[in-house]
Protein backbone atom coordinates (compact mmCIF):
# COMPACT_ATOMS: atom_id res chain seq x y z
CA MET A 1 -18.14 39.68 -172.77
CA ILE A 2 -21.03 41.20 -170.83
CA ARG A 3 -20.63 40.77 -167.11
CA THR A 4 -23.38 40.46 -164.54
CA PRO A 5 -24.41 43.83 -163.07
CA LEU A 6 -22.99 43.20 -159.58
CA SER A 7 -19.27 43.89 -159.91
CA PRO A 8 -16.56 43.57 -157.25
CA ARG A 9 -13.30 45.41 -157.84
CA TYR A 10 -9.62 44.70 -157.39
CA GLY A 11 -7.70 47.05 -155.14
CA HIS A 12 -10.44 49.02 -153.41
CA LEU A 13 -13.39 48.65 -151.06
CA TYR A 14 -16.44 49.41 -153.20
CA LEU A 15 -19.19 47.33 -154.75
CA ALA A 16 -20.80 48.63 -157.96
CA TRP A 17 -24.03 48.05 -159.83
CA ASN A 18 -23.82 48.42 -163.61
CA GLU A 19 -27.02 48.85 -165.57
CA PRO A 20 -26.73 48.07 -169.30
CA ALA A 21 -26.51 51.16 -171.50
CA VAL A 22 -27.92 49.34 -174.56
CA GLU A 23 -29.41 45.98 -175.38
CA PRO A 24 -26.77 43.29 -176.09
CA PRO A 25 -25.93 43.44 -179.82
CA GLY A 26 -26.17 40.41 -182.06
CA GLU A 27 -25.62 37.14 -180.21
CA CYS A 28 -23.84 38.70 -177.20
CA LEU A 29 -24.92 37.18 -173.88
CA PRO A 30 -24.07 37.70 -170.22
CA THR A 31 -21.85 34.92 -168.90
CA THR A 32 -24.63 33.87 -166.53
CA GLU A 33 -27.09 33.46 -169.42
CA THR A 34 -24.52 31.35 -171.26
CA PHE A 35 -24.30 29.09 -168.20
CA ARG A 36 -28.10 28.84 -168.02
CA ARG A 37 -28.31 27.83 -171.67
CA LEU A 38 -25.55 25.26 -171.23
CA ALA A 39 -27.39 23.79 -168.24
CA ARG A 40 -30.61 23.62 -170.26
CA ALA A 41 -28.87 21.96 -173.20
CA MET A 42 -27.31 19.39 -170.86
CA GLY A 43 -30.67 18.60 -169.28
CA LEU A 44 -29.58 19.62 -165.79
CA ALA A 45 -32.43 19.92 -163.29
CA GLU A 46 -30.82 21.83 -160.39
CA PRO A 47 -33.01 24.96 -159.94
CA ALA A 48 -30.08 27.11 -158.80
CA LEU A 49 -28.57 26.83 -162.29
CA TYR A 50 -31.44 28.87 -163.73
CA GLU A 51 -31.61 31.73 -161.23
CA PRO A 52 -31.89 35.16 -162.95
CA ASP A 53 -29.09 37.69 -162.50
CA GLU A 54 -30.88 39.89 -160.00
CA ARG A 55 -31.69 36.90 -157.83
CA LEU A 56 -28.01 35.88 -157.89
CA ALA A 57 -27.05 39.39 -156.81
CA GLU A 58 -29.60 39.29 -153.97
CA GLN A 59 -28.23 35.96 -152.78
CA ALA A 60 -24.68 37.28 -152.77
CA LEU A 61 -25.65 40.39 -150.82
CA ALA A 62 -27.63 38.29 -148.32
CA SER A 63 -24.77 35.88 -147.67
CA GLY A 64 -24.25 37.18 -144.14
CA HIS A 65 -20.69 38.32 -144.74
CA PRO A 66 -19.98 41.26 -142.41
CA PHE A 67 -18.49 43.31 -145.25
CA LEU A 68 -21.93 43.34 -146.92
CA GLU A 69 -23.93 44.48 -143.92
CA GLY A 70 -26.39 47.21 -144.89
CA ILE A 71 -25.82 46.80 -148.64
CA THR A 72 -28.97 45.76 -150.49
CA LEU A 73 -29.81 45.45 -154.14
CA GLU A 74 -32.27 48.32 -153.85
CA ARG A 75 -29.56 50.57 -152.39
CA LEU A 76 -27.07 49.66 -155.11
CA LYS A 77 -29.61 50.32 -157.84
CA LYS A 78 -30.38 53.71 -156.34
CA GLU A 79 -26.84 54.86 -155.51
CA GLY A 80 -24.80 52.95 -158.13
CA PHE A 81 -22.10 51.89 -155.69
CA ALA A 82 -21.51 51.35 -151.99
CA ARG A 83 -18.46 51.17 -149.78
CA LEU A 84 -18.07 47.82 -148.07
CA SER A 85 -19.00 47.78 -144.41
CA VAL A 86 -15.47 48.05 -143.06
CA PRO A 87 -13.92 50.71 -140.79
CA ASP A 88 -12.30 53.82 -142.19
CA PRO A 89 -9.33 53.56 -142.21
CA PHE A 90 -9.45 49.83 -142.90
CA LEU A 91 -6.77 48.05 -140.84
CA PRO A 92 -7.71 44.38 -141.24
CA TYR A 93 -4.97 42.93 -139.02
CA ALA A 94 -4.84 45.55 -136.28
CA ASP A 95 -6.59 43.17 -133.86
CA GLY A 96 -5.05 39.94 -135.05
CA PHE A 97 -5.08 37.53 -137.96
CA PRO A 98 -7.85 35.17 -139.15
CA THR A 99 -5.99 32.12 -137.85
CA LEU A 100 -6.81 29.68 -135.06
CA SER A 101 -4.38 31.47 -132.75
CA GLY A 102 -5.21 34.98 -133.95
CA ARG A 103 -1.55 35.51 -134.73
CA LEU A 104 0.62 35.35 -137.82
CA GLU A 105 1.50 31.65 -137.75
CA PHE A 106 4.83 30.36 -138.96
CA VAL A 107 3.58 26.88 -138.01
CA SER A 108 0.00 26.51 -139.23
CA ARG A 109 -2.51 24.10 -137.70
CA TRP A 110 -4.80 24.62 -140.69
CA ALA A 111 -2.05 23.45 -143.04
CA ALA A 112 -1.35 20.44 -140.83
CA ASP A 113 -5.06 19.52 -140.75
CA ALA A 114 -5.06 19.68 -144.58
CA GLY A 115 -2.20 17.17 -144.71
CA LEU A 116 0.42 19.77 -145.64
CA ASP A 117 3.68 20.75 -144.03
CA PRO A 118 2.67 23.12 -141.20
CA LEU A 119 5.93 25.03 -141.53
CA ALA A 120 6.12 27.35 -144.52
CA GLY A 121 9.00 26.48 -146.80
CA TYR A 122 10.13 26.19 -150.39
CA THR A 123 8.95 23.35 -152.62
CA PRO A 124 10.88 23.23 -155.91
CA PRO A 125 8.68 23.00 -159.03
CA ALA A 126 8.35 19.31 -159.86
CA GLU A 127 9.28 19.55 -163.52
CA VAL A 128 11.67 22.48 -163.50
CA ALA A 129 13.70 20.79 -160.74
CA ASP A 130 13.84 17.39 -162.50
CA PRO A 131 17.49 16.91 -163.62
CA GLU A 132 16.69 14.20 -166.17
CA ARG A 133 14.00 16.32 -167.80
CA ALA A 134 16.33 19.32 -167.73
CA LYS A 135 18.77 17.44 -169.95
CA ARG A 136 16.09 16.90 -172.60
CA TYR A 137 14.38 20.27 -172.24
CA PRO A 138 16.82 22.78 -170.75
CA LEU A 139 14.57 25.85 -170.71
CA ALA A 140 11.95 26.64 -168.07
CA LEU A 141 8.83 28.19 -169.63
CA VAL A 142 6.81 30.85 -167.81
CA SER A 143 3.37 31.68 -169.26
CA ALA A 144 2.33 34.99 -167.72
CA ALA A 145 -0.87 36.96 -168.22
CA SER A 146 -1.18 39.15 -171.29
CA HIS A 147 -1.66 42.92 -171.02
CA HIS A 148 -4.24 42.72 -173.82
CA PHE A 149 -6.49 39.80 -172.85
CA LEU A 150 -8.22 38.59 -169.70
CA ASN A 151 -7.11 34.95 -169.79
CA THR A 152 -8.74 33.94 -173.11
CA VAL A 153 -11.46 36.59 -172.93
CA PHE A 154 -11.02 39.19 -175.71
CA GLY A 155 -8.60 36.84 -177.46
CA SER A 156 -10.81 36.99 -180.55
CA ASN A 157 -10.81 40.80 -180.73
CA GLU A 158 -8.96 41.79 -183.89
CA GLU A 159 -7.63 45.10 -182.53
CA LEU A 160 -6.39 43.55 -179.29
CA ARG A 161 -4.73 40.74 -181.21
CA ARG A 162 -3.00 43.37 -183.34
CA ARG A 163 -1.77 45.18 -180.23
CA SER A 164 -0.50 41.91 -178.77
CA GLY A 165 1.61 41.29 -181.86
CA GLY A 166 -0.82 39.05 -183.71
CA GLY A 167 0.13 35.90 -181.85
CA PRO A 168 2.35 34.46 -179.12
CA ALA A 169 5.78 35.96 -178.56
CA LEU A 170 8.64 34.28 -176.73
CA ARG A 171 11.20 36.21 -174.71
CA MET A 172 14.65 34.64 -174.38
CA HIS A 173 17.95 35.73 -172.82
CA PRO A 174 20.71 36.64 -175.31
CA GLU A 175 22.98 33.82 -174.06
CA ASP A 176 20.33 31.17 -174.76
CA ALA A 177 19.52 32.71 -178.14
CA ARG A 178 23.20 32.79 -179.10
CA GLU A 179 23.64 29.10 -178.20
CA ARG A 180 20.78 28.20 -180.54
CA GLY A 181 21.61 30.62 -183.36
CA LEU A 182 18.33 32.49 -182.85
CA GLU A 183 17.62 36.18 -183.44
CA SER A 184 14.86 38.60 -182.52
CA GLY A 185 11.96 38.64 -184.97
CA GLY A 186 12.38 35.06 -186.11
CA ARG A 187 9.69 32.41 -185.70
CA VAL A 188 10.57 29.63 -183.29
CA ARG A 189 9.10 26.31 -182.27
CA VAL A 190 8.62 25.90 -178.51
CA GLY A 191 8.13 22.24 -177.68
CA ASN A 192 8.52 19.17 -175.51
CA ASP A 193 7.20 15.60 -175.55
CA ARG A 194 3.60 16.81 -175.07
CA GLY A 195 3.37 19.15 -178.03
CA ALA A 196 4.59 22.45 -179.43
CA PHE A 197 3.53 25.93 -180.45
CA GLU A 198 5.12 28.61 -182.58
CA ALA A 199 5.99 32.15 -181.49
CA VAL A 200 7.91 35.21 -182.57
CA LEU A 201 11.20 35.51 -180.69
CA GLU A 202 12.22 38.55 -178.68
CA VAL A 203 15.80 38.39 -177.41
CA THR A 204 16.07 40.40 -174.20
CA PRO A 205 18.06 40.41 -170.93
CA GLN A 206 14.78 40.95 -169.08
CA VAL A 207 14.51 37.19 -168.67
CA ARG A 208 17.31 35.31 -167.01
CA PRO A 209 19.36 32.56 -168.70
CA GLY A 210 17.59 29.21 -168.71
CA VAL A 211 14.12 30.79 -168.69
CA VAL A 212 11.84 31.69 -171.59
CA ALA A 213 8.60 33.64 -171.19
CA THR A 214 5.39 33.85 -173.17
CA THR A 215 1.83 34.98 -172.45
CA LYS A 216 -1.33 32.95 -172.08
CA GLY A 217 -4.71 33.86 -173.56
CA HIS A 218 -3.95 33.44 -177.27
CA TRP A 219 -6.61 31.44 -179.08
CA ALA A 220 -5.16 28.39 -180.80
CA LYS A 221 -7.08 28.97 -184.04
CA PHE A 222 -5.40 32.38 -184.39
CA SER A 223 -1.97 31.04 -183.42
CA GLY A 224 -1.25 28.34 -185.95
CA GLY A 225 -3.38 25.74 -184.19
CA ALA A 226 -1.60 25.67 -180.84
CA ASN A 227 -0.61 27.88 -177.92
CA ALA A 228 1.27 27.44 -174.63
CA ASN A 229 -1.32 24.93 -173.41
CA ALA A 230 0.20 22.40 -175.82
CA VAL A 231 3.33 22.01 -173.70
CA VAL A 232 1.89 22.29 -170.15
CA ASP A 233 1.38 19.12 -168.12
CA GLU A 234 -2.21 18.15 -167.29
CA ARG A 235 -1.79 17.99 -163.52
CA ASP A 236 -2.86 20.19 -160.64
CA THR A 237 -0.76 22.28 -158.29
CA ASP A 238 -0.22 20.85 -154.82
CA MET A 239 -2.17 23.74 -153.23
CA GLY A 240 -5.30 25.24 -154.76
CA GLY A 241 -5.72 22.75 -157.59
CA GLY A 242 -4.64 25.24 -160.26
CA PRO A 243 -2.79 24.61 -163.54
CA VAL A 244 1.01 24.34 -163.62
CA PHE A 245 1.68 27.04 -166.22
CA HIS A 246 4.98 27.97 -164.55
CA ASP A 247 6.35 24.44 -164.11
CA THR A 248 7.11 23.46 -167.69
CA ARG A 249 10.35 22.57 -169.46
CA VAL A 250 10.81 23.09 -173.19
CA GLU A 251 13.37 23.38 -175.95
CA VAL A 252 13.31 26.13 -178.56
CA GLU A 253 14.42 25.83 -182.17
CA PRO A 254 13.81 27.64 -185.46
CA ALA A 255 10.32 27.00 -186.83
CA GLY A 256 10.63 24.79 -189.84
C-alpha cells in the first residue's frame, strides 16, 4: 500500500512528509486515489471526494488545531519533518484534563450526556458472559492483531504470509487441548452457529483455560475460504461503534 505523503506517527511528536522515491509500479495506487476512483465509479458528486493529496494535506494542516500552529506544507516539503507545536518537555495534563471540570473525573458529565453510565465500571462482554451460550460454546475467542500484517493490509504478501505461518493459528491452553484430544501442529475447526474457520493449533500455557487466541488480518482466500470474521457477531460495541472481535464464543474440534 502507498500512503499519502503526510504521515502522523505513533509514540512521538513529529509530523513527516514523504516524497515518493519512484513512480508506483504496476497497478499500485495511493489509498486516496483508490477512494477517488471508487467515488467516480459510484457516480458521487461531492467535490471533497476528489481533492488531490496535497490539497488534503493543506486542509489538515490548516485545521486550526493548536498542535499544528506554524506547520505548513511548504515547511514540511523543505524540512521533511516538523515537531508538533507543543512545549518541551510535553506535559499534557500538568494544568488539568480536557474535561468539563478540568479534573480527572470519576463521574463524567460527558458520559451522562451521551446516555452512558457516568461512573466508570465494568461491563461484562455480552456473549462471553452469557451462561446459556457458554454451555454450547465453552471457549472465549480473542482475535488480536498480527505481527506481520496491518489489519488486512499486506495479507496478500507471500513472504509475510510465510512468516505468519501460512494461515491462521489458534493458541489453546493445555487443559482445554487435553479435554478435546488435541495436539500442537494439528488442524482444528473453530466454529459456532455463525460459521467456522480452520487453523493450526498451538498448545501453550500463555493463554488461560477457557480462552483461545488467534490473529486477525488473514485473507479468507488464502485461509481455506474463511477466517475469524466467520464466527464474530455482526453488532457494534456499546462505545465507539467498533467490531466485537473479543466477545465471541466458539468450540474447537479436529478439522475433518
